[in-house]
């Protein structure tokens, strides 16, 4: 069984890149036009995910290319990777807005989603079951630029799971 390349670096890398870009592209507009609530929310994120300088940005971009290459090599031997969408059970809706002290933990448990975003890989989330009335699922991840293939696989799997669920009366 093929194992995926380590993914633990890609989630934090995505957040570092995102907040470096955000600081450069929208800090002024946010200060001028953002509500106090939005500014406080953004500042809470920055407290957990510090942007970097130009040297750090270039290093982060290089790190992303290295990780992308490792994933590309994996996809030379497999078609799709099945991964969780989250590392924990669903959390309360809007928890990140209600309690900004939870941002670091929410970001940690959402690492599988950030990984896919950081690497620019196509993915499709599929519900597998309901837990306390909330959908829980997995994501299918495919090679870069193979979005249509990932959607085709997700559609076929969703059809098969739907048939299975009907047979089990779920």
C-alpha atoms as a PDB file:
ATOM      1  CA  UNK A   1       0.000   0.000   0.000  1.00  0.00           C
ATOM      2  CA  UNK A   2       1.398   3.383  -1.059  1.00  0.00           C
ATOM      3  CA  UNK A   3       1.624   5.971   1.698  1.00  0.00           C
ATOM      4  CA  UNK A   4       1.165   9.642   1.028  1.00  0.00           C
ATOM      5  CA  UNK A   5       4.124  11.941   1.482  1.00  0.00           C
ATOM      6  CA  UNK A   6       4.175  13.697   4.847  1.00  0.00           C
ATOM      7  CA  UNK A   7       1.395  16.262   4.903  1.00  0.00           C
ATOM      8  CA  UNK A   8       2.015  17.868   8.276  1.00  0.00           C
ATOM      9  CA  UNK A   9       4.127  20.696   6.801  1.00  0.00           C
ATOM     10  CA  UNK A  10       1.686  21.724   4.098  1.00  0.00           C
ATOM     11  CA  UNK A  11      -1.160  22.941   6.341  1.00  0.00           C
ATOM     12  CA  UNK A  12       0.944  25.415   8.344  1.00  0.00           C
ATOM     13  CA  UNK A  13       2.761  26.362   5.140  1.00  0.00           C
ATOM     14  CA  UNK A  14      -0.571  27.275   3.528  1.00  0.00           C
ATOM     15  CA  UNK A  15      -1.477  29.521   6.454  1.00  0.00           C
ATOM     16  CA  UNK A  16       1.929  31.225   6.422  1.00  0.00           C
ATOM     17  CA  UNK A  17       1.604  31.917   2.686  1.00  0.00           C
ATOM     18  CA  UNK A  18      -2.007  33.035   3.018  1.00  0.00           C
ATOM     19  CA  UNK A  19      -1.341  35.532   5.792  1.00  0.00           C
ATOM     20  CA  UNK A  20       1.803  36.859   4.147  1.00  0.00           C
ATOM     21  CA  UNK A  21      -0.261  37.500   1.030  1.00  0.00           C
ATOM     22  CA  UNK A  22      -3.128  38.958   3.060  1.00  0.00           C
ATOM     23  CA  UNK A  23      -0.858  41.356   4.915  1.00  0.00           C
ATOM     24  CA  UNK A  24       0.576  42.575   1.632  1.00  0.00           C
ATOM     25  CA  UNK A  25      -2.651  42.736  -0.359  1.00  0.00           C
ATOM     26  CA  UNK A  26      -5.395  43.740   2.047  1.00  0.00           C
ATOM     27  CA  UNK A  27      -4.098  45.069   5.368  1.00  0.00           C
ATOM     28  CA  UNK A  28      -4.621  48.701   4.320  1.00  0.00           C
ATOM     29  CA  UNK A  29      -8.115  48.061   2.938  1.00  0.00           C
ATOM     30  CA  UNK A  30      -9.062  46.091   6.033  1.00  0.00           C
ATOM     31  CA  UNK A  31      -7.889  48.907   8.293  1.00  0.00           C
ATOM     32  CA  UNK A  32      -9.794  51.486   6.248  1.00  0.00           C
ATOM     33  CA  UNK A  33     -13.001  49.615   5.459  1.00  0.00           C
ATOM     34  CA  UNK A  34     -13.216  46.526   7.656  1.00  0.00           C
ATOM     35  CA  UNK A  35     -15.557  46.383  10.604  1.00  0.00           C
ATOM     36  CA  UNK A  36     -14.011  46.283  14.069  1.00  0.00           C
ATOM     37  CA  UNK A  37     -15.210  42.668  14.330  1.00  0.00           C
ATOM     38  CA  UNK A  38     -13.474  41.690  11.079  1.00  0.00           C
ATOM     39  CA  UNK A  39     -10.278  43.449  12.133  1.00  0.00           C
ATOM     40  CA  UNK A  40     -10.311  41.647  15.498  1.00  0.00           C
ATOM     41  CA  UNK A  41     -10.930  38.320  13.745  1.00  0.00           C
ATOM     42  CA  UNK A  42      -8.066  38.905  11.323  1.00  0.00           C
ATOM     43  CA  UNK A  43      -5.745  39.984  14.156  1.00  0.00           C
ATOM     44  CA  UNK A  44      -6.637  36.803  16.069  1.00  0.00           C
ATOM     45  CA  UNK A  45      -5.518  34.759  13.081  1.00  0.00           C
ATOM     46  CA  UNK A  46      -2.289  36.741  12.848  1.00  0.00           C
ATOM     47  CA  UNK A  47      -1.609  35.977  16.507  1.00  0.00           C
ATOM     48  CA  UNK A  48      -1.519  32.283  15.555  1.00  0.00           C
ATOM     49  CA  UNK A  49      -0.109  32.411  12.017  1.00  0.00           C
ATOM     50  CA  UNK A  50       2.517  35.059  11.631  1.00  0.00           C
ATOM     51  CA  UNK A  51       3.217  36.318   8.142  1.00  0.00           C
ATOM     52  CA  UNK A  52       6.764  36.274   6.920  1.00  0.00           C
ATOM     53  CA  UNK A  53       9.149  38.649   5.172  1.00  0.00           C
ATOM     54  CA  UNK A  54      10.384  38.387   1.584  1.00  0.00           C
ATOM     55  CA  UNK A  55      13.152  35.914   2.454  1.00  0.00           C
ATOM     56  CA  UNK A  56      10.664  33.764   4.387  1.00  0.00           C
ATOM     57  CA  UNK A  57       8.147  33.971   1.551  1.00  0.00           C
ATOM     58  CA  UNK A  58      10.683  32.739  -0.978  1.00  0.00           C
ATOM     59  CA  UNK A  59      11.688  29.898   1.363  1.00  0.00           C
ATOM     60  CA  UNK A  60       8.016  28.970   1.870  1.00  0.00           C
ATOM     61  CA  UNK A  61       7.373  28.933  -1.875  1.00  0.00           C
ATOM     62  CA  UNK A  62      10.415  26.713  -2.391  1.00  0.00           C
ATOM     63  CA  UNK A  63       9.231  24.408   0.396  1.00  0.00           C
ATOM     64  CA  UNK A  64       5.833  24.148  -1.306  1.00  0.00           C
ATOM     65  CA  UNK A  65       7.461  23.102  -4.599  1.00  0.00           C
ATOM     66  CA  UNK A  66       9.432  20.364  -2.811  1.00  0.00           C
ATOM     67  CA  UNK A  67       6.259  19.043  -1.157  1.00  0.00           C
ATOM     68  CA  UNK A  68       4.310  19.285  -4.433  1.00  0.00           C
ATOM     69  CA  UNK A  69       7.001  17.214  -6.155  1.00  0.00           C
ATOM     70  CA  UNK A  70       6.762  14.494  -3.493  1.00  0.00           C
ATOM     71  CA  UNK A  71       2.997  14.334  -3.997  1.00  0.00           C
ATOM     72  CA  UNK A  72       3.406  14.284  -7.792  1.00  0.00           C
ATOM     73  CA  UNK A  73       5.728  11.296  -7.435  1.00  0.00           C
ATOM     74  CA  UNK A  74       3.127   9.514  -5.311  1.00  0.00           C
ATOM     75  CA  UNK A  75       0.477  10.118  -7.999  1.00  0.00           C
ATOM     76  CA  UNK A  76       2.705   8.381 -10.537  1.00  0.00           C
ATOM     77  CA  UNK A  77       1.743   5.094  -8.829  1.00  0.00           C
ATOM     78  CA  UNK A  78      -1.802   5.760  -7.569  1.00  0.00           C
ATOM     79  CA  UNK A  79      -4.858   7.374  -9.135  1.00  0.00           C
ATOM     80  CA  UNK A  80      -6.459   9.078  -6.136  1.00  0.00           C
ATOM     81  CA  UNK A  81      -5.818   9.376  -2.421  1.00  0.00           C
ATOM     82  CA  UNK A  82      -8.607   8.992   0.110  1.00  0.00           C
ATOM     83  CA  UNK A  83      -8.061  11.250   3.113  1.00  0.00           C
ATOM     84  CA  UNK A  84     -10.206  12.631   5.936  1.00  0.00           C
ATOM     85  CA  UNK A  85     -11.562  16.123   5.489  1.00  0.00           C
ATOM     86  CA  UNK A  86     -10.844  16.888   9.139  1.00  0.00           C
ATOM     87  CA  UNK A  87      -8.829  15.383  11.987  1.00  0.00           C
ATOM     88  CA  UNK A  88     -11.716  15.679  14.460  1.00  0.00           C
ATOM     89  CA  UNK A  89     -15.458  15.397  14.680  1.00  0.00           C
ATOM     90  CA  UNK A  90     -17.456  18.352  13.400  1.00  0.00           C
ATOM     91  CA  UNK A  91     -17.259  21.385  15.638  1.00  0.00           C
ATOM     92  CA  UNK A  92     -19.899  23.973  16.389  1.00  0.00           C
ATOM     93  CA  UNK A  93     -20.878  26.077  13.390  1.00  0.00           C
ATOM     94  CA  UNK A  94     -19.179  29.511  13.422  1.00  0.00           C
ATOM     95  CA  UNK A  95     -16.975  28.509  16.372  1.00  0.00           C
ATOM     96  CA  UNK A  96     -14.062  30.422  14.863  1.00  0.00           C
ATOM     97  CA  UNK A  97     -16.120  33.640  14.893  1.00  0.00           C
ATOM     98  CA  UNK A  98     -17.606  33.039  18.327  1.00  0.00           C
ATOM     99  CA  UNK A  99     -14.356  32.074  20.047  1.00  0.00           C
ATOM    100  CA  UNK A 100     -11.195  33.273  18.353  1.00  0.00           C
ATOM    101  CA  UNK A 101      -9.133  31.449  20.970  1.00  0.00           C
ATOM    102  CA  UNK A 102     -10.175  28.268  19.121  1.00  0.00           C
ATOM    103  CA  UNK A 103      -8.566  29.357  15.818  1.00  0.00           C
ATOM    104  CA  UNK A 104      -5.292  27.500  16.342  1.00  0.00           C
ATOM    105  CA  UNK A 105      -7.083  24.249  17.210  1.00  0.00           C
ATOM    106  CA  UNK A 106      -9.578  24.603  14.366  1.00  0.00           C
ATOM    107  CA  UNK A 107      -6.720  25.200  11.937  1.00  0.00           C
ATOM    108  CA  UNK A 108      -4.857  22.172  13.299  1.00  0.00           C
ATOM    109  CA  UNK A 109      -7.814  19.835  12.843  1.00  0.00           C
ATOM    110  CA  UNK A 110      -8.581  21.237   9.381  1.00  0.00           C
ATOM    111  CA  UNK A 111      -5.013  20.487   8.220  1.00  0.00           C
ATOM    112  CA  UNK A 112      -6.156  17.975   5.562  1.00  0.00           C
ATOM    113  CA  UNK A 113      -8.093  20.751   3.837  1.00  0.00           C
ATOM    114  CA  UNK A 114      -5.227  23.230   4.098  1.00  0.00           C
ATOM    115  CA  UNK A 115      -2.829  20.617   2.739  1.00  0.00           C
ATOM    116  CA  UNK A 116      -4.813  20.220  -0.456  1.00  0.00           C
ATOM    117  CA  UNK A 117      -5.124  23.993  -0.819  1.00  0.00           C
ATOM    118  CA  UNK A 118      -1.416  24.583  -0.190  1.00  0.00           C
ATOM    119  CA  UNK A 119      -0.414  22.076  -2.841  1.00  0.00           C
ATOM    120  CA  UNK A 120      -2.965  23.145  -5.466  1.00  0.00           C
ATOM    121  CA  UNK A 121      -4.371  19.638  -5.784  1.00  0.00           C
ATOM    122  CA  UNK A 122      -7.903  18.874  -6.919  1.00  0.00           C
ATOM    123  CA  UNK A 123     -10.139  17.268  -4.333  1.00  0.00           C
ATOM    124  CA  UNK A 124     -13.762  16.388  -3.773  1.00  0.00           C
ATOM    125  CA  UNK A 125     -15.383  15.922  -0.387  1.00  0.00           C
ATOM    126  CA  UNK A 126     -17.894  13.116   0.011  1.00  0.00           C
ATOM    127  CA  UNK A 127     -20.200  12.586   2.972  1.00  0.00           C
ATOM    128  CA  UNK A 128     -19.905   9.100   4.439  1.00  0.00           C
ATOM    129  CA  UNK A 129     -22.385   9.306   7.313  1.00  0.00           C
ATOM    130  CA  UNK A 130     -24.217  11.584   9.697  1.00  0.00           C
ATOM    131  CA  UNK A 131     -22.901  12.130  13.198  1.00  0.00           C
ATOM    132  CA  UNK A 132     -25.416  13.810  15.487  1.00  0.00           C
ATOM    133  CA  UNK A 133     -27.186  15.024  12.354  1.00  0.00           C
ATOM    134  CA  UNK A 134     -24.005  16.545  10.874  1.00  0.00           C
ATOM    135  CA  UNK A 135     -22.438  15.126   7.702  1.00  0.00           C
ATOM    136  CA  UNK A 136     -18.990  13.588   8.162  1.00  0.00           C
ATOM    137  CA  UNK A 137     -16.914  12.478   5.246  1.00  0.00           C
ATOM    138  CA  UNK A 138     -13.719  11.999   3.353  1.00  0.00           C
ATOM    139  CA  UNK A 139     -11.994  13.735   0.509  1.00  0.00           C
ATOM    140  CA  UNK A 140     -10.597  12.290  -2.665  1.00  0.00           C
ATOM    141  CA  UNK A 141      -7.398  13.958  -3.816  1.00  0.00           C
ATOM    142  CA  UNK A 142      -5.906  13.623  -7.258  1.00  0.00           C
ATOM    143  CA  UNK A 143      -2.872  14.731  -9.227  1.00  0.00           C
ATOM    144  CA  UNK A 144      -2.453  18.396 -10.075  1.00  0.00           C
ATOM    145  CA  UNK A 145      -4.588  19.531 -13.020  1.00  0.00           C
ATOM    146  CA  UNK A 146      -6.734  16.360 -12.962  1.00  0.00           C
ATOM    147  CA  UNK A 147      -9.864  18.041 -11.590  1.00  0.00           C
ATOM    148  CA  UNK A 148     -12.225  16.311 -14.026  1.00  0.00           C
ATOM    149  CA  UNK A 149     -10.843  12.890 -13.157  1.00  0.00           C
ATOM    150  CA  UNK A 150     -11.274  13.518  -9.415  1.00  0.00           C
ATOM    151  CA  UNK A 151     -14.858  14.658  -9.971  1.00  0.00           C
ATOM    152  CA  UNK A 152     -15.574  11.565 -12.097  1.00  0.00           C
ATOM    153  CA  UNK A 153     -14.201   9.257  -9.387  1.00  0.00           C
ATOM    154  CA  UNK A 154     -16.140  11.134  -6.692  1.00  0.00           C
ATOM    155  CA  UNK A 155     -19.340  10.862  -8.734  1.00  0.00           C
ATOM    156  CA  UNK A 156     -18.900   7.113  -9.236  1.00  0.00           C
ATOM    157  CA  UNK A 157     -18.108   6.572  -5.565  1.00  0.00           C
ATOM    158  CA  UNK A 158     -21.035   8.719  -4.476  1.00  0.00           C
ATOM    159  CA  UNK A 159     -23.340   6.654  -6.689  1.00  0.00           C
ATOM    160  CA  UNK A 160     -22.025   3.402  -5.193  1.00  0.00           C
ATOM    161  CA  UNK A 161     -22.282   4.710  -1.627  1.00  0.00           C
ATOM    162  CA  UNK A 162     -25.816   5.906  -2.302  1.00  0.00           C
ATOM    163  CA  UNK A 163     -26.789   2.423  -3.460  1.00  0.00           C
ATOM    164  CA  UNK A 164     -25.117   0.874  -0.407  1.00  0.00           C
ATOM    165  CA  UNK A 165     -26.854   3.333   1.938  1.00  0.00           C
ATOM    166  CA  UNK A 166     -30.217   2.523   0.369  1.00  0.00           C
ATOM    167  CA  UNK A 167     -29.601  -1.193   0.918  1.00  0.00           C
ATOM    168  CA  UNK A 168     -28.689  -0.542   4.548  1.00  0.00           C
ATOM    169  CA  UNK A 169     -31.704   1.769   4.966  1.00  0.00           C
ATOM    170  CA  UNK A 170     -29.527   4.698   6.022  1.00  0.00           C
END
